[in-house]
Amino acid sequence: MRTVSSYGVELRKQNIPIRQTLDIYRSAVSCLIEIYAQIWDELAVIKEPKKRFNTAEHLVHTTKKNQARFDFDLRFPKMPSYLRRAAVQHALGSVSSYKTRLGLWKKTDQKGGGPKLVCDNHAMPVFYRDVMYREDTEEKDGAYLKLYDGHDWKWFRVSLSHTDMEYLRKNWAGKKATAPVLEKRHRKYFLRFSYTEEVPLTKTPVKEQIICSVDLGLNTDAVCTIMRSDGTVLGRKFINFPSEKDRMYRVLGRISRFQREHGSAQVKSRWAYAKRLNTELGRKIAGAVTGYAEENHADVIVFEYLETKGKISGRKKQKLHLWRKRDIQKRCEHQAHRRGMRISR
């Protein structure tokens, strides 16, 4: 089975033009979206994706054998070719998605407002190796990025988080990573590396399998039971993180008191903090579940079935609980597959 994992490495604070690079890339994507929306009828008749992409690029980029129809090169001079192609691909996907949604909306009863093409985007640039990204051969926690300083594209040396790089060297040494993608989270910038693995899943016969049954609860985070296929219980573990839950409940209490006194207009950041605590708790629970299953050589991890469609009723705390259960199941599925175990719901 093929699994794809990713990890974000933090860029240490320093005087590098990350923001300028991000702004010009998003401006380029917005410009291309406007162009391709105007001439989509010409591009839509080309069914082969690669040929459509080449045609779209020739419309905006001038070469010795091609004269571009639009002045994209004048508005964004000296943009690296790989970055320009990434912007073209992103713009084509945005316009294609809009046209598809618009066609589906027209075929229905057309209730509500129709889909809109939004040129303002949150696209993040990809730093392709050798042309946009180079590893620092002198220092293991450094790299070189080609960034836009407001006048030209130049190479800048950046320092990467030592802890994050140690994690990659420990867990992903020798494995090939894809080109890193810039990511922004909580006012910090990261380079997200993706790794692809081919992992063989266990093929133990059903009657010989060792099962790890997981019950996700409210008071106890998870109860893991190791058993055989005939029902013989081999072990049980109660997984609980009381301090993390207590911290989150205190935050929810502060939000509740603030809303009673001041209304719900200024609690967005407080809810974001509560959700981050909830996400971190889900990571810890998922890691504990898969770790316990691996210790006992389980062949399959069995979860309860959760209905994930429709609206969630109840209080905010209940919504956070159900959301965390979904997140735990998704994380456990990925971690179990990396270890060769199967998942069942």
C-alpha atoms as a PDB file:
ATOM      1  CA  MET A   1       0.000   0.000   0.000  1.00  0.00           C
ATOM      2  CA  ARG A   2       1.228   3.475  -0.827  1.00  0.00           C
ATOM      3  CA  THR A   3       1.192   5.970   2.043  1.00  0.00           C
ATOM      4  CA  VAL A   4       2.000   9.668   1.853  1.00  0.00           C
ATOM      5  CA  SER A   5       3.260  11.469   4.947  1.00  0.00           C
ATOM      6  CA  SER A   6       4.276  15.080   5.402  1.00  0.00           C
ATOM      7  CA  TYR A   7       6.070  17.135   8.015  1.00  0.00           C
ATOM      8  CA  GLY A   8       6.451  20.891   8.395  1.00  0.00           C
ATOM      9  CA  VAL A   9       9.872  22.335   9.256  1.00  0.00           C
ATOM     10  CA  GLU A  10       9.748  25.777  10.828  1.00  0.00           C
ATOM     11  CA  LEU A  11      11.707  28.632   9.265  1.00  0.00           C
ATOM     12  CA  ARG A  12      13.535  30.486  12.013  1.00  0.00           C
ATOM     13  CA  LYS A  13      12.848  34.220  12.278  1.00  0.00           C
ATOM     14  CA  GLN A  14      15.268  36.214  10.174  1.00  0.00           C
ATOM     15  CA  ASN A  15      15.377  39.022   7.635  1.00  0.00           C
ATOM     16  CA  ILE A  16      14.321  37.191   4.458  1.00  0.00           C
ATOM     17  CA  PRO A  17      11.648  38.355   1.959  1.00  0.00           C
ATOM     18  CA  ILE A  18       9.185  35.504   2.470  1.00  0.00           C
ATOM     19  CA  ARG A  19       6.176  37.835   2.500  1.00  0.00           C
ATOM     20  CA  GLN A  20       7.184  39.568  -0.754  1.00  0.00           C
ATOM     21  CA  THR A  21       7.628  36.202  -2.468  1.00  0.00           C
ATOM     22  CA  LEU A  22       4.234  35.017  -1.257  1.00  0.00           C
ATOM     23  CA  ASP A  23       2.529  38.231  -2.390  1.00  0.00           C
ATOM     24  CA  ILE A  24       3.953  38.176  -5.916  1.00  0.00           C
ATOM     25  CA  TYR A  25       3.131  34.485  -6.348  1.00  0.00           C
ATOM     26  CA  ARG A  26      -0.483  35.024  -5.291  1.00  0.00           C
ATOM     27  CA  SER A  27      -0.731  38.059  -7.565  1.00  0.00           C
ATOM     28  CA  ALA A  28       0.520  35.920 -10.449  1.00  0.00           C
ATOM     29  CA  VAL A  29      -2.071  33.232  -9.707  1.00  0.00           C
ATOM     30  CA  SER A  30      -4.852  35.855  -9.546  1.00  0.00           C
ATOM     31  CA  CYS A  31      -3.739  37.315 -12.878  1.00  0.00           C
ATOM     32  CA  LEU A  32      -3.735  33.878 -14.513  1.00  0.00           C
ATOM     33  CA  ILE A  33      -7.176  33.037 -13.116  1.00  0.00           C
ATOM     34  CA  GLU A  34      -8.609  36.177 -14.736  1.00  0.00           C
ATOM     35  CA  ILE A  35      -6.933  35.347 -18.058  1.00  0.00           C
ATOM     36  CA  TYR A  36      -8.036  31.710 -18.205  1.00  0.00           C
ATOM     37  CA  ALA A  37     -11.582  32.591 -17.152  1.00  0.00           C
ATOM     38  CA  GLN A  38     -11.858  34.857 -20.216  1.00  0.00           C
ATOM     39  CA  ILE A  39     -10.682  32.217 -22.710  1.00  0.00           C
ATOM     40  CA  TRP A  40     -11.906  29.051 -20.996  1.00  0.00           C
ATOM     41  CA  ASP A  41     -13.973  28.054 -24.025  1.00  0.00           C
ATOM     42  CA  GLU A  42     -10.730  27.685 -25.999  1.00  0.00           C
ATOM     43  CA  LEU A  43      -9.063  25.621 -23.277  1.00  0.00           C
ATOM     44  CA  ALA A  44     -12.107  23.478 -22.480  1.00  0.00           C
ATOM     45  CA  VAL A  45     -12.066  21.795 -25.898  1.00  0.00           C
ATOM     46  CA  ILE A  46      -8.578  20.402 -25.138  1.00  0.00           C
ATOM     47  CA  LYS A  47      -9.270  17.223 -23.175  1.00  0.00           C
ATOM     48  CA  GLU A  48      -5.707  16.013 -22.628  1.00  0.00           C
ATOM     49  CA  PRO A  49      -4.409  17.660 -19.404  1.00  0.00           C
ATOM     50  CA  LYS A  50      -0.781  17.957 -20.515  1.00  0.00           C
ATOM     51  CA  LYS A  51      -1.695  19.521 -23.855  1.00  0.00           C
ATOM     52  CA  ARG A  52      -4.108  21.922 -22.150  1.00  0.00           C
ATOM     53  CA  PHE A  53      -1.386  22.947 -19.711  1.00  0.00           C
ATOM     54  CA  ASN A  54       1.120  23.587 -22.520  1.00  0.00           C
ATOM     55  CA  THR A  55      -1.432  25.661 -24.425  1.00  0.00           C
ATOM     56  CA  ALA A  56      -2.253  27.674 -21.317  1.00  0.00           C
ATOM     57  CA  GLU A  57       1.419  28.380 -20.669  1.00  0.00           C
ATOM     58  CA  HIS A  58       2.056  29.461 -24.277  1.00  0.00           C
ATOM     59  CA  LEU A  59      -0.722  32.034 -23.931  1.00  0.00           C
ATOM     60  CA  VAL A  60       1.173  33.909 -21.210  1.00  0.00           C
ATOM     61  CA  HIS A  61       4.869  33.108 -21.734  1.00  0.00           C
ATOM     62  CA  THR A  62       6.980  34.297 -24.663  1.00  0.00           C
ATOM     63  CA  THR A  63       9.806  32.160 -26.057  1.00  0.00           C
ATOM     64  CA  LYS A  64      11.895  32.204 -29.250  1.00  0.00           C
ATOM     65  CA  LYS A  65       9.269  30.140 -31.053  1.00  0.00           C
ATOM     66  CA  ASN A  66       6.184  31.507 -29.315  1.00  0.00           C
ATOM     67  CA  GLN A  67       4.692  34.973 -28.921  1.00  0.00           C
ATOM     68  CA  ALA A  68       2.421  35.218 -25.880  1.00  0.00           C
ATOM     69  CA  ARG A  69      -1.047  36.688 -26.305  1.00  0.00           C
ATOM     70  CA  PHE A  70      -1.110  38.245 -22.821  1.00  0.00           C
ATOM     71  CA  ASP A  71       1.459  40.466 -21.084  1.00  0.00           C
ATOM     72  CA  PHE A  72       2.056  38.174 -18.100  1.00  0.00           C
ATOM     73  CA  ASP A  73       5.860  38.238 -18.579  1.00  0.00           C
ATOM     74  CA  LEU A  74       5.867  42.047 -18.460  1.00  0.00           C
ATOM     75  CA  ARG A  75       3.872  42.145 -15.227  1.00  0.00           C
ATOM     76  CA  PHE A  76       5.938  39.410 -13.561  1.00  0.00           C
ATOM     77  CA  PRO A  77       9.440  39.566 -15.071  1.00  0.00           C
ATOM     78  CA  LYS A  78      12.137  36.970 -14.352  1.00  0.00           C
ATOM     79  CA  MET A  79       9.756  34.656 -12.489  1.00  0.00           C
ATOM     80  CA  PRO A  80      11.395  31.207 -12.211  1.00  0.00           C
ATOM     81  CA  SER A  81       9.987  28.818 -14.795  1.00  0.00           C
ATOM     82  CA  TYR A  82       8.998  26.107 -12.314  1.00  0.00           C
ATOM     83  CA  LEU A  83       7.197  28.628 -10.120  1.00  0.00           C
ATOM     84  CA  ARG A  84       5.375  30.053 -13.157  1.00  0.00           C
ATOM     85  CA  ARG A  85       4.249  26.560 -14.164  1.00  0.00           C
ATOM     86  CA  ALA A  86       2.994  25.900 -10.641  1.00  0.00           C
ATOM     87  CA  ALA A  87       0.963  29.126 -10.831  1.00  0.00           C
ATOM     88  CA  VAL A  88      -0.436  28.109 -14.239  1.00  0.00           C
ATOM     89  CA  GLN A  89      -1.463  24.710 -12.881  1.00  0.00           C
ATOM     90  CA  HIS A  90      -3.142  26.269  -9.841  1.00  0.00           C
ATOM     91  CA  ALA A  91      -5.037  28.795 -11.970  1.00  0.00           C
ATOM     92  CA  LEU A  92      -6.234  26.110 -14.399  1.00  0.00           C
ATOM     93  CA  GLY A  93      -7.501  24.017 -11.514  1.00  0.00           C
ATOM     94  CA  SER A  94      -9.365  26.964  -9.979  1.00  0.00           C
ATOM     95  CA  VAL A  95     -11.113  27.932 -13.223  1.00  0.00           C
ATOM     96  CA  SER A  96     -11.919  24.305 -14.091  1.00  0.00           C
ATOM     97  CA  SER A  97     -13.436  23.752 -10.640  1.00  0.00           C
ATOM     98  CA  TYR A  98     -15.524  26.919 -10.956  1.00  0.00           C
ATOM     99  CA  LYS A  99     -16.857  25.934 -14.395  1.00  0.00           C
ATOM    100  CA  THR A 100     -17.733  22.438 -13.159  1.00  0.00           C
ATOM    101  CA  ARG A 101     -19.578  23.774 -10.116  1.00  0.00           C
ATOM    102  CA  LEU A 102     -21.366  26.346 -12.267  1.00  0.00           C
ATOM    103  CA  GLY A 103     -22.541  23.631 -14.672  1.00  0.00           C
ATOM    104  CA  LEU A 104     -23.845  21.474 -11.819  1.00  0.00           C
ATOM    105  CA  TRP A 105     -25.642  24.466 -10.303  1.00  0.00           C
ATOM    106  CA  LYS A 106     -27.362  25.247 -13.621  1.00  0.00           C
ATOM    107  CA  LYS A 107     -28.551  21.639 -13.927  1.00  0.00           C
ATOM    108  CA  THR A 108     -30.205  21.767 -10.493  1.00  0.00           C
ATOM    109  CA  ASP A 109     -33.071  23.975  -9.327  1.00  0.00           C
ATOM    110  CA  GLN A 110     -30.578  26.886  -8.904  1.00  0.00           C
ATOM    111  CA  LYS A 111     -31.671  27.655  -5.377  1.00  0.00           C
ATOM    112  CA  GLY A 112     -29.440  30.079  -3.524  1.00  0.00           C
ATOM    113  CA  GLY A 113     -26.562  31.979  -5.016  1.00  0.00           C
ATOM    114  CA  GLY A 114     -24.502  30.392  -7.741  1.00  0.00           C
ATOM    115  CA  PRO A 115     -20.784  29.644  -7.414  1.00  0.00           C
ATOM    116  CA  LYS A 116     -18.403  32.552  -7.827  1.00  0.00           C
ATOM    117  CA  LEU A 117     -14.933  32.690  -9.297  1.00  0.00           C
ATOM    118  CA  VAL A 118     -12.669  34.174  -6.634  1.00  0.00           C
ATOM    119  CA  CYS A 119      -9.417  35.565  -7.959  1.00  0.00           C
ATOM    120  CA  ASP A 120      -8.074  36.377  -4.496  1.00  0.00           C
ATOM    121  CA  ASN A 121      -6.451  33.148  -3.400  1.00  0.00           C
ATOM    122  CA  HIS A 122      -4.383  31.548  -0.680  1.00  0.00           C
ATOM    123  CA  ALA A 123      -1.980  29.702  -2.978  1.00  0.00           C
ATOM    124  CA  MET A 124       1.388  28.755  -1.506  1.00  0.00           C
ATOM    125  CA  PRO A 125       4.526  28.477  -3.662  1.00  0.00           C
ATOM    126  CA  VAL A 126       6.409  25.226  -4.209  1.00  0.00           C
ATOM    127  CA  PHE A 127      10.194  25.377  -3.878  1.00  0.00           C
ATOM    128  CA  TYR A 128      11.419  22.949  -6.515  1.00  0.00           C
ATOM    129  CA  ARG A 129      14.795  21.397  -5.835  1.00  0.00           C
ATOM    130  CA  ASP A 130      17.920  22.877  -7.426  1.00  0.00           C
ATOM    131  CA  VAL A 131      16.010  25.758  -9.054  1.00  0.00           C
ATOM    132  CA  MET A 132      14.155  27.112  -5.980  1.00  0.00           C
ATOM    133  CA  TYR A 133      15.522  25.081  -3.052  1.00  0.00           C
ATOM    134  CA  ARG A 134      19.028  23.858  -2.218  1.00  0.00           C
ATOM    135  CA  GLU A 135      20.313  22.157   0.899  1.00  0.00           C
ATOM    136  CA  ASP A 136      23.172  23.804   2.761  1.00  0.00           C
ATOM    137  CA  THR A 137      26.206  21.541   2.458  1.00  0.00           C
ATOM    138  CA  GLU A 138      28.103  23.321   5.257  1.00  0.00           C
ATOM    139  CA  GLU A 139      25.389  23.397   7.934  1.00  0.00           C
ATOM    140  CA  LYS A 140      22.884  20.560   8.332  1.00  0.00           C
ATOM    141  CA  ASP A 141      20.097  22.801   9.684  1.00  0.00           C
ATOM    142  CA  GLY A 142      20.211  25.309   6.840  1.00  0.00           C
ATOM    143  CA  ALA A 143      18.974  25.666   3.267  1.00  0.00           C
ATOM    144  CA  TYR A 144      18.905  28.140   0.389  1.00  0.00           C
ATOM    145  CA  LEU A 145      15.649  29.466  -1.074  1.00  0.00           C
ATOM    146  CA  LYS A 146      15.191  31.582  -4.187  1.00  0.00           C
ATOM    147  CA  LEU A 147      13.028  34.511  -3.055  1.00  0.00           C
ATOM    148  CA  TYR A 148      11.787  37.790  -4.510  1.00  0.00           C
ATOM    149  CA  ASP A 149      13.283  40.819  -2.737  1.00  0.00           C
ATOM    150  CA  GLY A 150      11.075  43.385  -4.482  1.00  0.00           C
ATOM    151  CA  HIS A 151      13.383  43.830  -7.481  1.00  0.00           C
ATOM    152  CA  ASP A 152      14.804  40.464  -8.475  1.00  0.00           C
ATOM    153  CA  TRP A 153      14.830  36.749  -7.603  1.00  0.00           C
ATOM    154  CA  LYS A 154      17.860  35.933  -5.449  1.00  0.00           C
ATOM    155  CA  TRP A 155      19.154  33.082  -3.304  1.00  0.00           C
ATOM    156  CA  PHE A 156      18.749  33.581   0.444  1.00  0.00           C
ATOM    157  CA  ARG A 157      20.082  31.343   3.168  1.00  0.00           C
ATOM    158  CA  VAL A 158      17.487  30.311   5.772  1.00  0.00           C
ATOM    159  CA  SER A 159      17.879  28.563   9.118  1.00  0.00           C
ATOM    160  CA  LEU A 160      15.561  25.647   9.831  1.00  0.00           C
ATOM    161  CA  SER A 161      14.384  24.454  13.231  1.00  0.00           C
ATOM    162  CA  HIS A 162      16.955  22.057  14.696  1.00  0.00           C
ATOM    163  CA  THR A 163      14.261  19.973  16.425  1.00  0.00           C
ATOM    164  CA  ASP A 164      12.283  19.544  13.199  1.00  0.00           C
ATOM    165  CA  MET A 165      15.382  18.630  11.206  1.00  0.00           C
ATOM    166  CA  GLU A 166      16.429  16.082  13.835  1.00  0.00           C
ATOM    167  CA  TYR A 167      12.982  14.479  13.509  1.00  0.00           C
ATOM    168  CA  LEU A 168      13.389  14.205   9.731  1.00  0.00           C
ATOM    169  CA  ARG A 169      16.894  12.782  10.032  1.00  0.00           C
ATOM    170  CA  LYS A 170      15.730  10.233  12.604  1.00  0.00           C
ATOM    171  CA  ASN A 171      12.528   9.055  10.908  1.00  0.00           C
ATOM    172  CA  TRP A 172      12.975   9.811   7.208  1.00  0.00           C
ATOM    173  CA  ALA A 173      16.687   9.370   6.541  1.00  0.00           C
ATOM    174  CA  GLY A 174      17.310   7.751   3.170  1.00  0.00           C
ATOM    175  CA  LYS A 175      13.766   8.367   1.898  1.00  0.00           C
ATOM    176  CA  LYS A 176      13.182  10.723  -1.008  1.00  0.00           C
ATOM    177  CA  ALA A 177      11.159  13.840  -0.263  1.00  0.00           C
ATOM    178  CA  THR A 178       9.116  15.849  -2.728  1.00  0.00           C
ATOM    179  CA  ALA A 179       9.708  19.543  -3.321  1.00  0.00           C
ATOM    180  CA  PRO A 180       8.836  21.477  -0.140  1.00  0.00           C
ATOM    181  CA  VAL A 181       5.756  23.704  -0.071  1.00  0.00           C
ATOM    182  CA  LEU A 182       5.615  26.951   1.881  1.00  0.00           C
ATOM    183  CA  GLU A 183       3.069  26.906   4.681  1.00  0.00           C
ATOM    184  CA  LYS A 184       1.918  29.540   7.165  1.00  0.00           C
ATOM    185  CA  ARG A 185       0.456  28.572  10.528  1.00  0.00           C
ATOM    186  CA  HIS A 186      -0.095  30.825  13.535  1.00  0.00           C
ATOM    187  CA  ARG A 187       2.076  33.648  12.132  1.00  0.00           C
ATOM    188  CA  LYS A 188       4.969  31.279  11.452  1.00  0.00           C
ATOM    189  CA  TYR A 189       6.302  29.955   8.158  1.00  0.00           C
ATOM    190  CA  PHE A 190       7.107  26.305   7.507  1.00  0.00           C
ATOM    191  CA  LEU A 191       8.497  24.196   4.683  1.00  0.00           C
ATOM    192  CA  ARG A 192       6.332  21.091   4.354  1.00  0.00           C
ATOM    193  CA  PHE A 193       8.116  18.014   3.036  1.00  0.00           C
ATOM    194  CA  SER A 194       6.130  15.019   1.754  1.00  0.00           C
ATOM    195  CA  TYR A 195       7.328  11.416   1.676  1.00  0.00           C
ATOM    196  CA  THR A 196       5.838   8.468  -0.205  1.00  0.00           C
ATOM    197  CA  GLU A 197       6.263   4.902   1.045  1.00  0.00           C
ATOM    198  CA  GLU A 198       5.254   1.481  -0.225  1.00  0.00           C
ATOM    199  CA  VAL A 199       4.182  -0.498   2.858  1.00  0.00           C
ATOM    200  CA  PRO A 200       2.988  -4.142   2.719  1.00  0.00           C
ATOM    201  CA  LEU A 201      -0.092  -4.653   4.921  1.00  0.00           C
ATOM    202  CA  THR A 202      -0.420  -7.762   7.049  1.00  0.00           C
ATOM    203  CA  LYS A 203      -1.995 -10.792   5.348  1.00  0.00           C
ATOM    204  CA  THR A 204      -2.622 -12.909   8.451  1.00  0.00           C
ATOM    205  CA  PRO A 205      -5.692 -15.178   8.098  1.00  0.00           C
ATOM    206  CA  VAL A 206      -8.775 -13.858   9.904  1.00  0.00           C
ATOM    207  CA  LYS A 207      -8.892 -16.698  12.438  1.00  0.00           C
ATOM    208  CA  GLU A 208      -5.269 -16.069  13.415  1.00  0.00           C
ATOM    209  CA  GLN A 209      -5.436 -12.280  13.656  1.00  0.00           C
ATOM    210  CA  ILE A 210      -4.775 -10.297  16.822  1.00  0.00           C
ATOM    211  CA  ILE A 211      -7.275  -7.462  17.127  1.00  0.00           C
ATOM    212  CA  CYS A 212      -6.953  -4.126  18.918  1.00  0.00           C
ATOM    213  CA  SER A 213     -10.473  -2.906  19.692  1.00  0.00           C
ATOM    214  CA  VAL A 214     -10.679   0.821  20.473  1.00  0.00           C
ATOM    215  CA  ASP A 215     -13.536   2.539  22.299  1.00  0.00           C
ATOM    216  CA  LEU A 216     -13.270   6.329  22.197  1.00  0.00           C
ATOM    217  CA  GLY A 217     -15.070   7.835  25.176  1.00  0.00           C
ATOM    218  CA  LEU A 218     -15.688  11.146  26.921  1.00  0.00           C
ATOM    219  CA  ASN A 219     -14.333  10.628  30.437  1.00  0.00           C
ATOM    220  CA  THR A 220     -11.569   8.259  29.317  1.00  0.00           C
ATOM    221  CA  ASP A 221      -9.941   9.209  26.037  1.00  0.00           C
ATOM    222  CA  ALA A 222      -9.698   5.639  24.748  1.00  0.00           C
ATOM    223  CA  VAL A 223      -9.929   2.042  25.963  1.00  0.00           C
ATOM    224  CA  CYS A 224      -7.841  -0.415  23.923  1.00  0.00           C
ATOM    225  CA  THR A 225      -8.519  -4.144  24.189  1.00  0.00           C
ATOM    226  CA  ILE A 226      -6.214  -6.743  22.650  1.00  0.00           C
ATOM    227  CA  MET A 227      -8.056  -9.941  21.726  1.00  0.00           C
ATOM    228  CA  ARG A 228      -8.002 -12.895  19.393  1.00  0.00           C
ATOM    229  CA  SER A 229     -10.592 -13.515  16.696  1.00  0.00           C
ATOM    230  CA  ASP A 230     -12.423 -15.998  18.974  1.00  0.00           C
ATOM    231  CA  GLY A 231     -12.941 -13.318  21.647  1.00  0.00           C
ATOM    232  CA  THR A 232     -10.101 -14.251  24.019  1.00  0.00           C
ATOM    233  CA  VAL A 233      -8.926 -11.059  25.733  1.00  0.00           C
ATOM    234  CA  LEU A 234      -5.140 -10.738  25.910  1.00  0.00           C
ATOM    235  CA  GLY A 235      -4.801  -7.274  27.385  1.00  0.00           C
ATOM    236  CA  ARG A 236      -6.466  -3.946  28.040  1.00  0.00           C
ATOM    237  CA  LYS A 237      -5.228  -0.391  28.423  1.00  0.00           C
ATOM    238  CA  PHE A 238      -6.964   2.825  29.477  1.00  0.00           C
ATOM    239  CA  ILE A 239      -5.533   5.831  27.647  1.00  0.00           C
ATOM    240  CA  ASN A 240      -6.162   9.154  29.338  1.00  0.00           C
ATOM    241  CA  PHE A 241      -4.592  12.611  29.217  1.00  0.00           C
ATOM    242  CA  PRO A 242      -6.263  14.413  32.155  1.00  0.00           C
ATOM    243  CA  SER A 243      -4.023  17.485  32.247  1.00  0.00           C
ATOM    244  CA  GLU A 244      -4.570  18.242  28.544  1.00  0.00           C
ATOM    245  CA  LYS A 245      -8.348  17.846  28.873  1.00  0.00           C
ATOM    246  CA  ASP A 246      -8.389  19.980  32.019  1.00  0.00           C
ATOM    247  CA  ARG A 247      -6.534  22.747  30.200  1.00  0.00           C
ATOM    248  CA  MET A 248      -8.993  22.639  27.314  1.00  0.00           C
ATOM    249  CA  TYR A 249     -12.034  22.665  29.621  1.00  0.00           C
ATOM    250  CA  ARG A 250     -10.650  25.689  31.471  1.00  0.00           C
ATOM    251  CA  VAL A 251     -10.323  27.484  28.132  1.00  0.00           C
ATOM    252  CA  LEU A 252     -13.916  26.529  27.246  1.00  0.00           C
ATOM    253  CA  GLY A 253     -15.043  27.886  30.625  1.00  0.00           C
ATOM    254  CA  ARG A 254     -13.314  31.201  29.967  1.00  0.00           C
ATOM    255  CA  ILE A 255     -14.975  31.390  26.547  1.00  0.00           C
ATOM    256  CA  SER A 256     -18.385  30.728  28.090  1.00  0.00           C
ATOM    257  CA  ARG A 257     -17.942  33.445  30.727  1.00  0.00           C
ATOM    258  CA  PHE A 258     -16.635  35.918  28.141  1.00  0.00           C
ATOM    259  CA  GLN A 259     -19.608  35.297  25.853  1.00  0.00           C
ATOM    260  CA  ARG A 260     -22.082  35.839  28.687  1.00  0.00           C
ATOM    261  CA  GLU A 261     -20.500  39.176  29.573  1.00  0.00           C
ATOM    262  CA  HIS A 262     -19.456  40.550  26.168  1.00  0.00           C
ATOM    263  CA  GLY A 263     -21.275  38.533  23.512  1.00  0.00           C
ATOM    264  CA  SER A 264     -19.831  36.268  20.855  1.00  0.00           C
ATOM    265  CA  ALA A 265     -18.265  38.917  18.612  1.00  0.00           C
ATOM    266  CA  GLN A 266     -14.690  38.759  19.941  1.00  0.00           C
ATOM    267  CA  VAL A 267     -14.114  35.097  20.777  1.00  0.00           C
ATOM    268  CA  LYS A 268     -12.746  33.893  17.438  1.00  0.00           C
ATOM    269  CA  SER A 269      -9.145  33.729  18.662  1.00  0.00           C
ATOM    270  CA  ARG A 270     -10.204  31.979  21.874  1.00  0.00           C
ATOM    271  CA  TRP A 271     -12.060  29.297  19.931  1.00  0.00           C
ATOM    272  CA  ALA A 272      -9.038  28.895  17.657  1.00  0.00           C
ATOM    273  CA  TYR A 273      -6.878  28.244  20.724  1.00  0.00           C
ATOM    274  CA  ALA A 274      -9.373  25.671  22.034  1.00  0.00           C
ATOM    275  CA  LYS A 275      -9.385  23.897  18.670  1.00  0.00           C
ATOM    276  CA  ARG A 276      -5.583  23.788  18.632  1.00  0.00           C
ATOM    277  CA  LEU A 277      -5.603  22.187  22.084  1.00  0.00           C
ATOM    278  CA  ASN A 278      -8.185  19.703  20.825  1.00  0.00           C
ATOM    279  CA  THR A 279      -6.051  18.884  17.780  1.00  0.00           C
ATOM    280  CA  GLU A 280      -2.965  18.299  19.910  1.00  0.00           C
ATOM    281  CA  LEU A 281      -4.946  16.021  22.232  1.00  0.00           C
ATOM    282  CA  GLY A 282      -6.110  14.028  19.211  1.00  0.00           C
ATOM    283  CA  ARG A 283      -2.492  13.607  18.067  1.00  0.00           C
ATOM    284  CA  LYS A 284      -1.431  12.250  21.451  1.00  0.00           C
ATOM    285  CA  ILE A 285      -4.361   9.824  21.682  1.00  0.00           C
ATOM    286  CA  ALA A 286      -3.792   8.522  18.145  1.00  0.00           C
ATOM    287  CA  GLY A 287      -0.104   7.984  18.835  1.00  0.00           C
ATOM    288  CA  ALA A 288      -0.859   6.135  22.077  1.00  0.00           C
ATOM    289  CA  VAL A 289      -3.429   3.863  20.390  1.00  0.00           C
ATOM    290  CA  THR A 290      -1.206   2.854  17.470  1.00  0.00           C
ATOM    291  CA  GLY A 291       1.790   2.475  19.770  1.00  0.00           C
ATOM    292  CA  TYR A 292      -0.104   0.077  22.054  1.00  0.00           C
ATOM    293  CA  ALA A 293      -1.377  -1.911  19.061  1.00  0.00           C
ATOM    294  CA  GLU A 294       2.154  -2.213  17.681  1.00  0.00           C
ATOM    295  CA  GLU A 295       3.542  -3.338  21.052  1.00  0.00           C
ATOM    296  CA  ASN A 296       1.064  -6.217  21.093  1.00  0.00           C
ATOM    297  CA  HIS A 297       1.672  -7.135  17.421  1.00  0.00           C
ATOM    298  CA  ALA A 298      -1.925  -6.392  16.418  1.00  0.00           C
ATOM    299  CA  ASP A 299      -2.914  -7.135  12.824  1.00  0.00           C
ATOM    300  CA  VAL A 300      -5.962  -4.857  12.741  1.00  0.00           C
ATOM    301  CA  ILE A 301      -7.315  -1.907  14.743  1.00  0.00           C
ATOM    302  CA  VAL A 302     -11.109  -1.825  15.051  1.00  0.00           C
ATOM    303  CA  PHE A 303     -12.954   1.449  15.733  1.00  0.00           C
ATOM    304  CA  GLU A 304     -16.594   2.252  16.330  1.00  0.00           C
ATOM    305  CA  TYR A 305     -18.479   3.600  13.311  1.00  0.00           C
ATOM    306  CA  LEU A 306     -19.107   7.360  13.411  1.00  0.00           C
ATOM    307  CA  GLU A 307     -21.714   9.071  11.246  1.00  0.00           C
ATOM    308  CA  THR A 308     -19.740  11.924   9.681  1.00  0.00           C
ATOM    309  CA  LYS A 309     -22.448  13.413   7.468  1.00  0.00           C
ATOM    310  CA  GLY A 310     -24.984  16.049   8.354  1.00  0.00           C
ATOM    311  CA  LYS A 311     -24.909  18.714  11.043  1.00  0.00           C
ATOM    312  CA  ILE A 312     -23.741  18.059  14.586  1.00  0.00           C
ATOM    313  CA  SER A 313     -26.249  19.008  17.256  1.00  0.00           C
ATOM    314  CA  GLY A 314     -25.509  19.738  20.871  1.00  0.00           C
ATOM    315  CA  ARG A 315     -23.201  21.979  22.841  1.00  0.00           C
ATOM    316  CA  LYS A 316     -19.819  23.142  21.631  1.00  0.00           C
ATOM    317  CA  LYS A 317     -18.071  20.736  23.993  1.00  0.00           C
ATOM    318  CA  GLN A 318     -19.944  17.801  22.451  1.00  0.00           C
ATOM    319  CA  LYS A 319     -19.046  19.022  18.961  1.00  0.00           C
ATOM    320  CA  LEU A 320     -15.385  19.163  19.935  1.00  0.00           C
ATOM    321  CA  HIS A 321     -15.594  15.609  21.290  1.00  0.00           C
ATOM    322  CA  LEU A 322     -17.112  14.214  18.100  1.00  0.00           C
ATOM    323  CA  TRP A 323     -14.707  16.188  15.934  1.00  0.00           C
ATOM    324  CA  ARG A 324     -11.782  14.821  17.957  1.00  0.00           C
ATOM    325  CA  LYS A 325     -13.036  11.242  17.508  1.00  0.00           C
ATOM    326  CA  ARG A 326     -13.050  11.687  13.733  1.00  0.00           C
ATOM    327  CA  ASP A 327      -9.577  13.189  13.826  1.00  0.00           C
ATOM    328  CA  ILE A 328      -8.243  10.338  15.977  1.00  0.00           C
ATOM    329  CA  GLN A 329      -9.615   7.732  13.590  1.00  0.00           C
ATOM    330  CA  LYS A 330      -8.032   9.446  10.575  1.00  0.00           C
ATOM    331  CA  ARG A 331      -4.661   9.789  12.297  1.00  0.00           C
ATOM    332  CA  CYS A 332      -4.735   6.198  13.554  1.00  0.00           C
ATOM    333  CA  GLU A 333      -5.562   4.976  10.057  1.00  0.00           C
ATOM    334  CA  HIS A 334      -2.518   6.704   8.607  1.00  0.00           C
ATOM    335  CA  GLN A 335      -0.153   5.635  11.399  1.00  0.00           C
ATOM    336  CA  ALA A 336      -1.436   2.045  11.353  1.00  0.00           C
ATOM    337  CA  HIS A 337      -0.938   1.738   7.600  1.00  0.00           C
ATOM    338  CA  ARG A 338       2.621   2.994   7.963  1.00  0.00           C
ATOM    339  CA  ARG A 339       3.216   0.160  10.456  1.00  0.00           C
ATOM    340  CA  GLY A 340       1.608  -2.465   8.223  1.00  0.00           C
ATOM    341  CA  MET A 341      -1.617  -2.802  10.251  1.00  0.00           C
ATOM    342  CA  ARG A 342      -5.141  -2.656   8.880  1.00  0.00           C
ATOM    343  CA  ILE A 343      -8.094  -0.531  10.027  1.00  0.00           C
ATOM    344  CA  SER A 344     -11.745  -1.513  10.382  1.00  0.00           C
ATOM    345  CA  ARG A 345     -14.811   0.461  11.434  1.00  0.00           C
END
